[in-house]
Each structure stands twice: as structure tokens, then as C-alpha cells.
Amino acid sequence: MKIYKNKKDIYRIELGLKELMKRKVLFIIIVIIAIALIIVLMNLKTIIINHYQGILLFKKIFEITLIIISILVPIVLVFEVFYLIGEHSAKNIENAVVSVFDSKYVENYKPILISKRYDKQNNLYLIFYNNLPVSMWNDKQEFIEVVLNCHYLEKAKYYKGNSHMIILVLGTKIDYKKRDEAFYEKI
């Protein structure tokens, strides 16, 4: 379970970074804020050290500690922003996909959205990390189409031969009549 959580955290940060790269202005603003925070903390460190009246060895240790904190805090905050953007980007899609599968299959290991991108024809490419076989994704095709409000352009398949990664290629232009007929036939 811990490995799953670690993978989820890493994939969230990657997804958040990918989403931010699509919005270059926002990415630049976040980088500028992080650099400004480093500068402010370094200046604050200088002010604190100049007012410190103590043993020289402790002063040096204190200065090094403040330098490390001045650099680590902005870096941690930037990664947290990446994580939050990735979480926001993935939450609705993952919840919709999880609702399609029986809870016994996804109870402990829900599919994790790794990548979400559109091509020039506005087709959606979703890559999930999960333990479900590709056949189960294809069996639930109609339900996935309904909850994601799109249609399959190709059957789900393993991404780059990795049995833990599934890629869905979805069209966003929907023939609602055809989709609803197929859905109700399965029920």
C-alpha cells in the first residue's frame, strides 16, 4: 500500500508539472514566486545572523541551517503546488473511472491518472497506472464512455507494453444517440 501511495504522489507531481507546462505564464509566475521567496528568506537569514550574539561556532551552524531552510522551503512549496495541480486535474476523471469498476477490484488500488493530453483533433489521451487487466477496461468501455462523456477511438491497451499502465484514446465529439443505445443494450 505504501508503494502505491508513493507512486501516486510521484505521478501527481508529474501530472501537475505537465499541466503547468501547458500554461506557460502560470508556470513562469510560480517560478518567479519561488525565486522571490528564496531571496526574501536569504535576506531574512542575513538579518537574523547579524543580530545573533553568540558563540562563533553556533553562529556558523545557525547560518548554514538557515541557508538550507531558505532553499528547501521554496522547493517543497513548488512541489506541493505541482502535486495540488495534478490532484485537481486527475480527481474527477479518476472518480468517474473508479465508479465503473466493482469496488472489490479498485478498493485498495484505484487507477491513477498519469497523463492527460489532447491532440490537434481534440482527441483525449489518458494514461492510467493500475492493476486491472486491459480486458476489464475494454469490457467496461460503454460505461467509461458514459461517465467520461466521450467515446473510444480505439480499444484500451497497455501503454508501451507495461502491464500496469493503460492508455485510453477517446474522442470528445460524441454521438449521443449511438452512445445511449449501446449503453442501454448492455444493461
N, C-alpha and C. Protein backbone atom coordinates (compact mmCIF):
# COMPACT_ATOMS: atom_id res chain seq x y z
N MET A 1 0.82 -1.19 0.00
CA MET A 1 0.00 0.00 0.00
C MET A 1 0.87 1.26 0.00
N LYS A 2 2.00 1.22 0.73
CA LYS A 2 2.90 2.37 0.80
C LYS A 2 3.53 2.63 -0.57
N ILE A 3 3.88 1.58 -1.28
CA ILE A 3 4.47 1.75 -2.62
C ILE A 3 3.45 2.40 -3.54
N TYR A 4 2.19 1.96 -3.44
CA TYR A 4 1.12 2.56 -4.24
C TYR A 4 1.00 4.05 -3.95
N LYS A 5 1.04 4.43 -2.67
CA LYS A 5 0.92 5.85 -2.29
C LYS A 5 2.11 6.64 -2.82
N ASN A 6 3.31 6.07 -2.73
CA ASN A 6 4.50 6.76 -3.25
C ASN A 6 4.39 6.97 -4.75
N LYS A 7 3.94 5.94 -5.47
CA LYS A 7 3.78 6.07 -6.92
C LYS A 7 2.73 7.13 -7.24
N LYS A 8 1.64 7.13 -6.48
CA LYS A 8 0.59 8.11 -6.71
C LYS A 8 1.13 9.52 -6.52
N ASP A 9 1.90 9.73 -5.46
CA ASP A 9 2.47 11.06 -5.20
C ASP A 9 3.39 11.50 -6.34
N ILE A 10 4.22 10.60 -6.80
CA ILE A 10 5.15 10.92 -7.89
C ILE A 10 4.38 11.23 -9.17
N TYR A 11 3.39 10.38 -9.49
CA TYR A 11 2.59 10.62 -10.70
C TYR A 11 1.79 11.92 -10.60
N ARG A 12 1.33 12.27 -9.40
CA ARG A 12 0.60 13.53 -9.22
C ARG A 12 1.50 14.73 -9.51
N ILE A 13 2.73 14.68 -9.00
CA ILE A 13 3.67 15.77 -9.24
C ILE A 13 3.98 15.88 -10.72
N GLU A 14 4.21 14.74 -11.38
CA GLU A 14 4.48 14.75 -12.83
C GLU A 14 3.29 15.31 -13.60
N LEU A 15 2.08 14.88 -13.25
CA LEU A 15 0.89 15.37 -13.93
C LEU A 15 0.72 16.87 -13.71
N GLY A 16 0.94 17.32 -12.48
CA GLY A 16 0.85 18.75 -12.18
C GLY A 16 1.86 19.55 -12.99
N LEU A 17 3.07 19.04 -13.11
CA LEU A 17 4.10 19.73 -13.91
C LEU A 17 3.70 19.77 -15.38
N LYS A 18 3.17 18.65 -15.89
CA LYS A 18 2.72 18.63 -17.30
C LYS A 18 1.59 19.61 -17.53
N GLU A 19 0.65 19.66 -16.58
CA GLU A 19 -0.47 20.60 -16.72
C GLU A 19 0.02 22.05 -16.66
N LEU A 20 1.00 22.31 -15.79
CA LEU A 20 1.54 23.67 -15.70
C LEU A 20 2.31 24.06 -16.96
N MET A 21 2.98 23.09 -17.56
CA MET A 21 3.75 23.38 -18.79
C MET A 21 2.81 23.79 -19.93
N LYS A 22 1.57 23.35 -19.86
CA LYS A 22 0.59 23.78 -20.87
C LYS A 22 0.20 25.23 -20.66
N ARG A 23 0.35 25.71 -19.45
CA ARG A 23 0.02 27.10 -19.10
C ARG A 23 1.32 27.80 -18.73
N LYS A 24 2.08 28.17 -19.73
CA LYS A 24 3.43 28.68 -19.52
C LYS A 24 3.48 29.93 -18.64
N VAL A 25 2.50 30.82 -18.77
CA VAL A 25 2.50 32.05 -17.97
C VAL A 25 2.38 31.71 -16.49
N LEU A 26 1.48 30.80 -16.16
CA LEU A 26 1.31 30.39 -14.77
C LEU A 26 2.58 29.72 -14.25
N PHE A 27 3.21 28.90 -15.08
CA PHE A 27 4.45 28.24 -14.69
C PHE A 27 5.53 29.28 -14.39
N ILE A 28 5.65 30.30 -15.24
CA ILE A 28 6.66 31.35 -15.04
C ILE A 28 6.36 32.11 -13.75
N ILE A 29 5.09 32.39 -13.49
CA ILE A 29 4.72 33.11 -12.26
C ILE A 29 5.12 32.29 -11.03
N ILE A 30 4.88 30.99 -11.06
CA ILE A 30 5.24 30.14 -9.91
C ILE A 30 6.75 30.11 -9.71
N VAL A 31 7.50 30.02 -10.80
CA VAL A 31 8.97 30.02 -10.69
C VAL A 31 9.45 31.36 -10.13
N ILE A 32 8.88 32.47 -10.59
CA ILE A 32 9.27 33.80 -10.09
C ILE A 32 8.96 33.92 -8.60
N ILE A 33 7.80 33.43 -8.19
CA ILE A 33 7.43 33.47 -6.77
C ILE A 33 8.41 32.64 -5.94
N ALA A 34 8.79 31.47 -6.45
CA ALA A 34 9.74 30.62 -5.71
C ALA A 34 11.09 31.31 -5.58
N ILE A 35 11.57 31.93 -6.66
CA ILE A 35 12.85 32.64 -6.61
C ILE A 35 12.76 33.83 -5.65
N ALA A 36 11.65 34.56 -5.70
CA ALA A 36 11.46 35.69 -4.79
C ALA A 36 11.45 35.21 -3.34
N LEU A 37 10.83 34.08 -3.08
CA LEU A 37 10.79 33.54 -1.74
C LEU A 37 12.19 33.16 -1.25
N ILE A 38 12.99 32.59 -2.14
CA ILE A 38 14.38 32.27 -1.78
C ILE A 38 15.13 33.54 -1.43
N ILE A 39 14.97 34.59 -2.22
CA ILE A 39 15.66 35.86 -1.97
C ILE A 39 15.22 36.46 -0.64
N VAL A 40 13.91 36.45 -0.38
CA VAL A 40 13.40 37.00 0.88
C VAL A 40 13.95 36.21 2.06
N LEU A 41 13.93 34.89 1.97
CA LEU A 41 14.43 34.07 3.08
C LEU A 41 15.93 34.25 3.29
N MET A 42 16.68 34.42 2.21
CA MET A 42 18.13 34.65 2.34
C MET A 42 18.39 36.00 3.01
N ASN A 43 17.61 37.01 2.64
CA ASN A 43 17.78 38.32 3.28
C ASN A 43 17.38 38.24 4.75
N LEU A 44 16.34 37.52 5.04
CA LEU A 44 15.91 37.33 6.42
C LEU A 44 16.99 36.61 7.21
N LYS A 45 17.62 35.63 6.57
CA LYS A 45 18.73 34.92 7.21
C LYS A 45 19.85 35.87 7.57
N THR A 46 20.19 36.79 6.66
CA THR A 46 21.26 37.75 6.90
C THR A 46 20.90 38.66 8.09
N ILE A 47 19.67 39.10 8.14
CA ILE A 47 19.23 39.96 9.25
C ILE A 47 19.32 39.22 10.58
N ILE A 48 18.88 37.97 10.59
CA ILE A 48 18.91 37.17 11.83
C ILE A 48 20.34 36.93 12.27
N ILE A 49 21.22 36.56 11.34
CA ILE A 49 22.62 36.28 11.67
C ILE A 49 23.30 37.54 12.18
N ASN A 50 23.04 38.70 11.59
CA ASN A 50 23.68 39.95 12.03
C ASN A 50 23.26 40.32 13.45
N HIS A 51 22.09 39.92 13.87
CA HIS A 51 21.63 40.25 15.22
C HIS A 51 21.94 39.14 16.23
N TYR A 52 22.51 38.06 15.76
CA TYR A 52 22.82 36.93 16.65
C TYR A 52 24.07 37.27 17.46
N GLN A 53 23.96 37.20 18.75
CA GLN A 53 25.09 37.43 19.64
C GLN A 53 25.40 36.12 20.34
N GLY A 54 26.35 35.40 19.86
CA GLY A 54 26.63 34.11 20.49
C GLY A 54 27.98 33.59 20.06
N ILE A 55 28.21 32.35 20.39
CA ILE A 55 29.48 31.70 20.07
C ILE A 55 29.60 31.56 18.56
N LEU A 56 30.80 31.81 18.05
CA LEU A 56 31.05 31.81 16.60
C LEU A 56 30.69 30.48 15.95
N LEU A 57 31.00 29.35 16.60
CA LEU A 57 30.69 28.03 16.04
C LEU A 57 29.18 27.87 15.88
N PHE A 58 28.41 28.23 16.89
CA PHE A 58 26.95 28.13 16.80
C PHE A 58 26.40 29.08 15.75
N LYS A 59 27.05 30.23 15.62
CA LYS A 59 26.61 31.20 14.61
C LYS A 59 26.77 30.60 13.21
N LYS A 60 27.89 29.92 12.98
CA LYS A 60 28.13 29.30 11.67
C LYS A 60 27.13 28.17 11.41
N ILE A 61 26.89 27.33 12.42
CA ILE A 61 25.91 26.24 12.28
C ILE A 61 24.52 26.80 12.03
N PHE A 62 24.16 27.85 12.76
CA PHE A 62 22.87 28.51 12.61
C PHE A 62 22.73 29.09 11.21
N GLU A 63 23.80 29.69 10.69
CA GLU A 63 23.79 30.29 9.35
C GLU A 63 23.59 29.22 8.28
N ILE A 64 24.29 28.11 8.41
CA ILE A 64 24.16 27.01 7.43
C ILE A 64 22.74 26.44 7.48
N THR A 65 22.20 26.28 8.68
CA THR A 65 20.83 25.78 8.83
C THR A 65 19.83 26.71 8.15
N LEU A 66 19.99 28.01 8.34
CA LEU A 66 19.09 28.98 7.72
C LEU A 66 19.21 28.99 6.20
N ILE A 67 20.42 28.78 5.68
CA ILE A 67 20.61 28.70 4.22
C ILE A 67 19.86 27.49 3.67
N ILE A 68 20.01 26.35 4.34
CA ILE A 68 19.32 25.14 3.89
C ILE A 68 17.80 25.35 3.91
N ILE A 69 17.30 25.93 4.99
CA ILE A 69 15.86 26.18 5.10
C ILE A 69 15.42 27.16 4.01
N SER A 70 16.23 28.17 3.73
CA SER A 70 15.88 29.18 2.72
C SER A 70 15.75 28.58 1.33
N ILE A 71 16.47 27.52 1.09
CA ILE A 71 16.41 26.89 -0.23
C ILE A 71 15.35 25.78 -0.26
N LEU A 72 15.26 25.00 0.80
CA LEU A 72 14.33 23.86 0.82
C LEU A 72 12.86 24.28 0.88
N VAL A 73 12.54 25.29 1.64
CA VAL A 73 11.14 25.69 1.79
C VAL A 73 10.51 26.04 0.44
N PRO A 74 11.14 26.90 -0.38
CA PRO A 74 10.53 27.19 -1.70
C PRO A 74 10.44 25.95 -2.60
N ILE A 75 11.44 25.09 -2.55
CA ILE A 75 11.41 23.89 -3.38
C ILE A 75 10.24 22.98 -2.96
N VAL A 76 10.07 22.79 -1.67
CA VAL A 76 8.97 21.97 -1.17
C VAL A 76 7.63 22.59 -1.55
N LEU A 77 7.53 23.89 -1.43
CA LEU A 77 6.28 24.57 -1.80
C LEU A 77 5.97 24.43 -3.29
N VAL A 78 6.99 24.52 -4.13
CA VAL A 78 6.78 24.35 -5.58
C VAL A 78 6.30 22.94 -5.89
N PHE A 79 6.91 21.93 -5.26
CA PHE A 79 6.47 20.55 -5.48
C PHE A 79 5.05 20.34 -4.97
N GLU A 80 4.71 21.01 -3.87
CA GLU A 80 3.35 20.90 -3.35
C GLU A 80 2.35 21.53 -4.32
N VAL A 81 2.73 22.63 -4.95
CA VAL A 81 1.86 23.25 -5.97
C VAL A 81 1.68 22.30 -7.14
N PHE A 82 2.77 21.66 -7.59
CA PHE A 82 2.67 20.68 -8.68
C PHE A 82 1.72 19.56 -8.28
N TYR A 83 1.86 19.07 -7.05
CA TYR A 83 1.00 17.98 -6.58
C TYR A 83 -0.46 18.41 -6.58
N LEU A 84 -0.74 19.58 -6.05
CA LEU A 84 -2.13 20.05 -5.97
C LEU A 84 -2.75 20.25 -7.35
N ILE A 85 -1.97 20.75 -8.29
CA ILE A 85 -2.48 20.91 -9.65
C ILE A 85 -2.74 19.55 -10.28
N GLY A 86 -1.83 18.60 -10.07
CA GLY A 86 -2.03 17.24 -10.57
C GLY A 86 -3.25 16.59 -9.95
N GLU A 87 -3.43 16.78 -8.65
CA GLU A 87 -4.58 16.21 -7.94
C GLU A 87 -5.87 16.80 -8.49
N HIS A 88 -5.89 18.10 -8.67
CA HIS A 88 -7.08 18.76 -9.20
C HIS A 88 -7.40 18.28 -10.62
N SER A 89 -6.37 18.11 -11.42
CA SER A 89 -6.54 17.68 -12.81
C SER A 89 -7.06 16.24 -12.90
N ALA A 90 -6.66 15.39 -11.96
CA ALA A 90 -6.97 13.96 -12.05
C ALA A 90 -8.21 13.54 -11.28
N LYS A 91 -8.60 14.29 -10.29
CA LYS A 91 -9.63 13.85 -9.34
C LYS A 91 -10.94 13.45 -10.02
N ASN A 92 -11.49 14.29 -10.86
CA ASN A 92 -12.79 13.99 -11.48
C ASN A 92 -12.72 12.80 -12.42
N ILE A 93 -11.67 12.74 -13.21
CA ILE A 93 -11.53 11.62 -14.16
C ILE A 93 -11.36 10.31 -13.41
N GLU A 94 -10.50 10.29 -12.40
CA GLU A 94 -10.29 9.05 -11.63
C GLU A 94 -11.56 8.61 -10.92
N ASN A 95 -12.26 9.53 -10.30
CA ASN A 95 -13.50 9.16 -9.60
C ASN A 95 -14.53 8.60 -10.57
N ALA A 96 -14.62 9.19 -11.76
CA ALA A 96 -15.56 8.69 -12.76
C ALA A 96 -15.18 7.27 -13.19
N VAL A 97 -13.90 7.03 -13.44
CA VAL A 97 -13.45 5.71 -13.88
C VAL A 97 -13.63 4.68 -12.77
N VAL A 98 -13.31 5.05 -11.54
CA VAL A 98 -13.45 4.12 -10.41
C VAL A 98 -14.91 3.69 -10.24
N SER A 99 -15.85 4.60 -10.50
CA SER A 99 -17.26 4.28 -10.33
C SER A 99 -17.74 3.19 -11.29
N VAL A 100 -17.01 2.97 -12.36
CA VAL A 100 -17.39 1.97 -13.36
C VAL A 100 -17.04 0.55 -12.92
N PHE A 101 -15.95 0.41 -12.19
CA PHE A 101 -15.48 -0.92 -11.80
C PHE A 101 -16.06 -1.34 -10.46
N ASP A 102 -16.18 -2.66 -10.27
CA ASP A 102 -16.63 -3.19 -8.98
C ASP A 102 -15.65 -2.78 -7.90
N SER A 103 -16.16 -2.45 -6.74
CA SER A 103 -15.31 -1.94 -5.66
C SER A 103 -14.25 -2.95 -5.22
N LYS A 104 -14.54 -4.24 -5.37
CA LYS A 104 -13.55 -5.24 -4.94
C LYS A 104 -12.27 -5.17 -5.78
N TYR A 105 -12.37 -4.66 -7.02
CA TYR A 105 -11.19 -4.56 -7.88
C TYR A 105 -10.39 -3.28 -7.63
N VAL A 106 -11.06 -2.24 -7.19
CA VAL A 106 -10.37 -0.95 -7.05
C VAL A 106 -10.35 -0.43 -5.61
N GLU A 107 -10.74 -1.26 -4.68
CA GLU A 107 -10.86 -0.81 -3.28
C GLU A 107 -9.55 -0.24 -2.75
N ASN A 108 -8.46 -0.99 -2.89
CA ASN A 108 -7.17 -0.54 -2.35
C ASN A 108 -6.27 0.12 -3.40
N TYR A 109 -6.46 -0.23 -4.66
CA TYR A 109 -5.58 0.28 -5.70
C TYR A 109 -6.39 0.89 -6.83
N LYS A 110 -6.83 2.10 -6.63
CA LYS A 110 -7.61 2.80 -7.65
C LYS A 110 -6.68 3.19 -8.79
N PRO A 111 -7.21 3.22 -10.02
CA PRO A 111 -6.39 3.68 -11.15
C PRO A 111 -5.91 5.11 -10.90
N ILE A 112 -4.63 5.34 -11.20
CA ILE A 112 -4.02 6.66 -11.02
C ILE A 112 -3.80 7.27 -12.40
N LEU A 113 -4.35 8.44 -12.63
CA LEU A 113 -4.14 9.13 -13.90
C LEU A 113 -2.71 9.66 -13.95
N ILE A 114 -1.97 9.22 -14.96
CA ILE A 114 -0.58 9.63 -15.12
C ILE A 114 -0.46 10.79 -16.09
N SER A 115 -1.22 10.70 -17.16
CA SER A 115 -1.10 11.71 -18.21
C SER A 115 -2.46 11.97 -18.84
N LYS A 116 -2.65 13.23 -19.20
CA LYS A 116 -3.88 13.65 -19.86
C LYS A 116 -3.49 14.69 -20.90
N ARG A 117 -3.74 14.37 -22.17
CA ARG A 117 -3.39 15.36 -23.19
C ARG A 117 -4.36 15.26 -24.36
N TYR A 118 -4.45 16.35 -25.09
CA TYR A 118 -5.30 16.43 -26.28
C TYR A 118 -4.41 16.57 -27.50
N ASP A 119 -4.83 15.96 -28.62
CA ASP A 119 -4.10 16.17 -29.86
C ASP A 119 -4.79 17.27 -30.67
N LYS A 120 -4.32 17.49 -31.89
CA LYS A 120 -4.86 18.58 -32.72
C LYS A 120 -6.32 18.36 -33.11
N GLN A 121 -6.77 17.10 -33.16
CA GLN A 121 -8.17 16.80 -33.48
C GLN A 121 -9.05 16.82 -32.23
N ASN A 122 -8.49 17.25 -31.12
CA ASN A 122 -9.20 17.34 -29.84
C ASN A 122 -9.55 15.95 -29.28
N ASN A 123 -8.76 14.95 -29.65
CA ASN A 123 -8.91 13.61 -29.06
C ASN A 123 -8.15 13.59 -27.74
N LEU A 124 -8.68 12.88 -26.79
CA LEU A 124 -8.12 12.84 -25.44
C LEU A 124 -7.35 11.54 -25.23
N TYR A 125 -6.12 11.67 -24.74
CA TYR A 125 -5.28 10.52 -24.42
C TYR A 125 -5.11 10.48 -22.90
N LEU A 126 -5.59 9.41 -22.29
CA LEU A 126 -5.48 9.23 -20.85
C LEU A 126 -4.62 8.01 -20.57
N ILE A 127 -3.64 8.15 -19.70
CA ILE A 127 -2.80 7.02 -19.30
C ILE A 127 -2.99 6.82 -17.80
N PHE A 128 -3.33 5.59 -17.43
CA PHE A 128 -3.58 5.24 -16.03
C PHE A 128 -2.56 4.21 -15.57
N TYR A 129 -2.14 4.35 -14.33
CA TYR A 129 -1.37 3.31 -13.65
C TYR A 129 -2.37 2.53 -12.82
N ASN A 130 -2.42 1.21 -12.98
CA ASN A 130 -3.39 0.40 -12.24
C ASN A 130 -3.03 -1.07 -12.32
N ASN A 131 -3.80 -1.88 -11.59
CA ASN A 131 -3.59 -3.33 -11.57
C ASN A 131 -4.67 -4.09 -12.32
N LEU A 132 -5.55 -3.39 -12.99
CA LEU A 132 -6.65 -4.05 -13.71
C LEU A 132 -6.17 -4.49 -15.09
N PRO A 133 -6.60 -5.67 -15.54
CA PRO A 133 -6.20 -6.11 -16.88
C PRO A 133 -6.89 -5.27 -17.96
N VAL A 134 -6.27 -5.17 -19.10
CA VAL A 134 -6.81 -4.36 -20.20
C VAL A 134 -8.16 -4.90 -20.65
N SER A 135 -8.38 -6.19 -20.52
CA SER A 135 -9.68 -6.77 -20.92
C SER A 135 -10.82 -6.20 -20.08
N MET A 136 -10.56 -5.95 -18.80
CA MET A 136 -11.59 -5.39 -17.94
C MET A 136 -11.93 -3.95 -18.38
N TRP A 137 -10.92 -3.20 -18.80
CA TRP A 137 -11.16 -1.84 -19.30
C TRP A 137 -12.02 -1.88 -20.56
N ASN A 138 -11.73 -2.83 -21.43
CA ASN A 138 -12.50 -2.94 -22.68
C ASN A 138 -13.91 -3.46 -22.43
N ASP A 139 -14.07 -4.35 -21.43
CA ASP A 139 -15.42 -4.83 -21.08
C ASP A 139 -16.29 -3.69 -20.56
N LYS A 140 -15.70 -2.74 -19.90
CA LYS A 140 -16.43 -1.61 -19.32
C LYS A 140 -16.43 -0.38 -20.24
N GLN A 141 -16.10 -0.58 -21.49
CA GLN A 141 -15.96 0.52 -22.45
C GLN A 141 -17.17 1.44 -22.47
N GLU A 142 -18.36 0.88 -22.62
CA GLU A 142 -19.56 1.71 -22.73
C GLU A 142 -19.79 2.55 -21.48
N PHE A 143 -19.53 1.94 -20.32
CA PHE A 143 -19.73 2.66 -19.06
C PHE A 143 -18.70 3.79 -18.92
N ILE A 144 -17.47 3.50 -19.31
CA ILE A 144 -16.42 4.53 -19.26
C ILE A 144 -16.78 5.69 -20.19
N GLU A 145 -17.30 5.35 -21.36
CA GLU A 145 -17.70 6.40 -22.30
C GLU A 145 -18.78 7.30 -21.69
N VAL A 146 -19.72 6.70 -20.98
CA VAL A 146 -20.80 7.47 -20.38
C VAL A 146 -20.28 8.37 -19.27
N VAL A 147 -19.48 7.83 -18.35
CA VAL A 147 -19.03 8.64 -17.21
C VAL A 147 -18.02 9.72 -17.62
N LEU A 148 -17.26 9.47 -18.68
CA LEU A 148 -16.30 10.48 -19.14
C LEU A 148 -16.87 11.37 -20.24
N ASN A 149 -18.09 11.05 -20.68
CA ASN A 149 -18.77 11.84 -21.70
C ASN A 149 -17.94 11.95 -22.99
N CYS A 150 -17.52 10.79 -23.49
CA CYS A 150 -16.72 10.73 -24.71
C CYS A 150 -16.91 9.34 -25.33
N HIS A 151 -16.13 9.03 -26.35
CA HIS A 151 -16.22 7.69 -26.93
C HIS A 151 -14.81 7.17 -27.25
N TYR A 152 -14.69 5.84 -27.20
CA TYR A 152 -13.42 5.20 -27.51
C TYR A 152 -13.12 5.36 -28.99
N LEU A 153 -11.90 5.75 -29.31
CA LEU A 153 -11.45 5.74 -30.70
C LEU A 153 -10.73 4.43 -31.01
N GLU A 154 -10.15 3.85 -29.98
CA GLU A 154 -9.53 2.53 -30.10
C GLU A 154 -9.73 1.81 -28.77
N LYS A 155 -9.57 0.52 -28.81
CA LYS A 155 -9.70 -0.26 -27.58
C LYS A 155 -8.58 0.15 -26.61
N ALA A 156 -8.85 0.00 -25.33
CA ALA A 156 -7.82 0.25 -24.32
C ALA A 156 -6.68 -0.73 -24.55
N LYS A 157 -5.47 -0.30 -24.30
CA LYS A 157 -4.31 -1.19 -24.48
C LYS A 157 -3.24 -0.82 -23.46
N TYR A 158 -2.29 -1.73 -23.30
CA TYR A 158 -1.18 -1.46 -22.39
C TYR A 158 -0.29 -0.39 -23.02
N TYR A 159 0.15 0.52 -22.19
CA TYR A 159 0.99 1.61 -22.66
C TYR A 159 2.44 1.15 -22.67
N LYS A 160 3.04 1.15 -23.85
CA LYS A 160 4.44 0.75 -24.05
C LYS A 160 4.73 -0.63 -23.47
N GLY A 161 3.76 -1.53 -23.56
CA GLY A 161 3.95 -2.90 -23.10
C GLY A 161 3.97 -3.08 -21.59
N ASN A 162 3.75 -2.03 -20.83
CA ASN A 162 3.75 -2.12 -19.37
C ASN A 162 2.38 -2.58 -18.89
N SER A 163 2.34 -3.72 -18.19
CA SER A 163 1.05 -4.29 -17.79
C SER A 163 0.38 -3.51 -16.65
N HIS A 164 1.03 -2.50 -16.14
CA HIS A 164 0.42 -1.67 -15.10
C HIS A 164 -0.04 -0.32 -15.63
N MET A 165 0.16 -0.09 -16.92
CA MET A 165 -0.25 1.19 -17.49
C MET A 165 -1.20 0.96 -18.66
N ILE A 166 -2.33 1.64 -18.60
CA ILE A 166 -3.37 1.52 -19.63
C ILE A 166 -3.51 2.86 -20.32
N ILE A 167 -3.59 2.84 -21.65
CA ILE A 167 -3.85 4.08 -22.39
C ILE A 167 -5.24 4.00 -23.01
N LEU A 168 -5.98 5.06 -22.84
CA LEU A 168 -7.29 5.19 -23.47
C LEU A 168 -7.20 6.33 -24.48
N VAL A 169 -7.65 6.06 -25.69
CA VAL A 169 -7.72 7.10 -26.71
C VAL A 169 -9.19 7.39 -26.93
N LEU A 170 -9.59 8.60 -26.57
CA LEU A 170 -11.01 8.95 -26.54
C LEU A 170 -11.30 10.13 -27.43
N GLY A 171 -12.43 10.05 -28.11
CA GLY A 171 -12.90 11.18 -28.90
C GLY A 171 -13.84 12.02 -28.05
N THR A 172 -13.72 13.31 -28.18
CA THR A 172 -14.56 14.19 -27.36
C THR A 172 -15.82 14.62 -28.08
N LYS A 173 -15.90 14.38 -29.38
CA LYS A 173 -17.14 14.66 -30.11
C LYS A 173 -18.01 13.42 -30.04
N ILE A 174 -19.17 13.56 -29.46
CA ILE A 174 -19.98 12.40 -29.09
C ILE A 174 -21.24 12.29 -29.94
N ASP A 175 -21.52 11.07 -30.39
CA ASP A 175 -22.81 10.76 -30.99
C ASP A 175 -23.67 10.23 -29.85
N TYR A 176 -24.43 11.12 -29.22
CA TYR A 176 -25.18 10.77 -28.01
C TYR A 176 -26.18 9.64 -28.24
N LYS A 177 -26.84 9.65 -29.37
CA LYS A 177 -27.84 8.63 -29.64
C LYS A 177 -27.19 7.25 -29.69
N LYS A 178 -26.09 7.14 -30.42
CA LYS A 178 -25.39 5.86 -30.54
C LYS A 178 -24.84 5.42 -29.17
N ARG A 179 -24.29 6.36 -28.43
CA ARG A 179 -23.73 6.04 -27.12
C ARG A 179 -24.82 5.54 -26.16
N ASP A 180 -25.95 6.23 -26.13
CA ASP A 180 -27.03 5.85 -25.22
C ASP A 180 -27.64 4.51 -25.60
N GLU A 181 -27.78 4.26 -26.89
CA GLU A 181 -28.32 2.97 -27.32
C GLU A 181 -27.41 1.83 -26.90
N ALA A 182 -26.10 2.00 -27.09
CA ALA A 182 -25.14 0.96 -26.71
C ALA A 182 -25.15 0.75 -25.21
N PHE A 183 -25.24 1.84 -24.47
CA PHE A 183 -25.25 1.76 -23.01
C PHE A 183 -26.45 0.98 -22.50
N TYR A 184 -27.64 1.30 -23.01
CA TYR A 184 -28.84 0.65 -22.52
C TYR A 184 -28.97 -0.79 -23.00
N GLU A 185 -28.34 -1.13 -24.13
CA GLU A 185 -28.33 -2.52 -24.57
C GLU A 185 -27.54 -3.38 -23.59
N LYS A 186 -26.46 -2.82 -23.02
CA LYS A 186 -25.61 -3.58 -22.08
C LYS A 186 -26.33 -3.82 -20.76
N ILE A 187 -27.22 -2.89 -20.42
CA ILE A 187 -27.94 -3.02 -19.13
C ILE A 187 -29.04 -4.02 -19.32
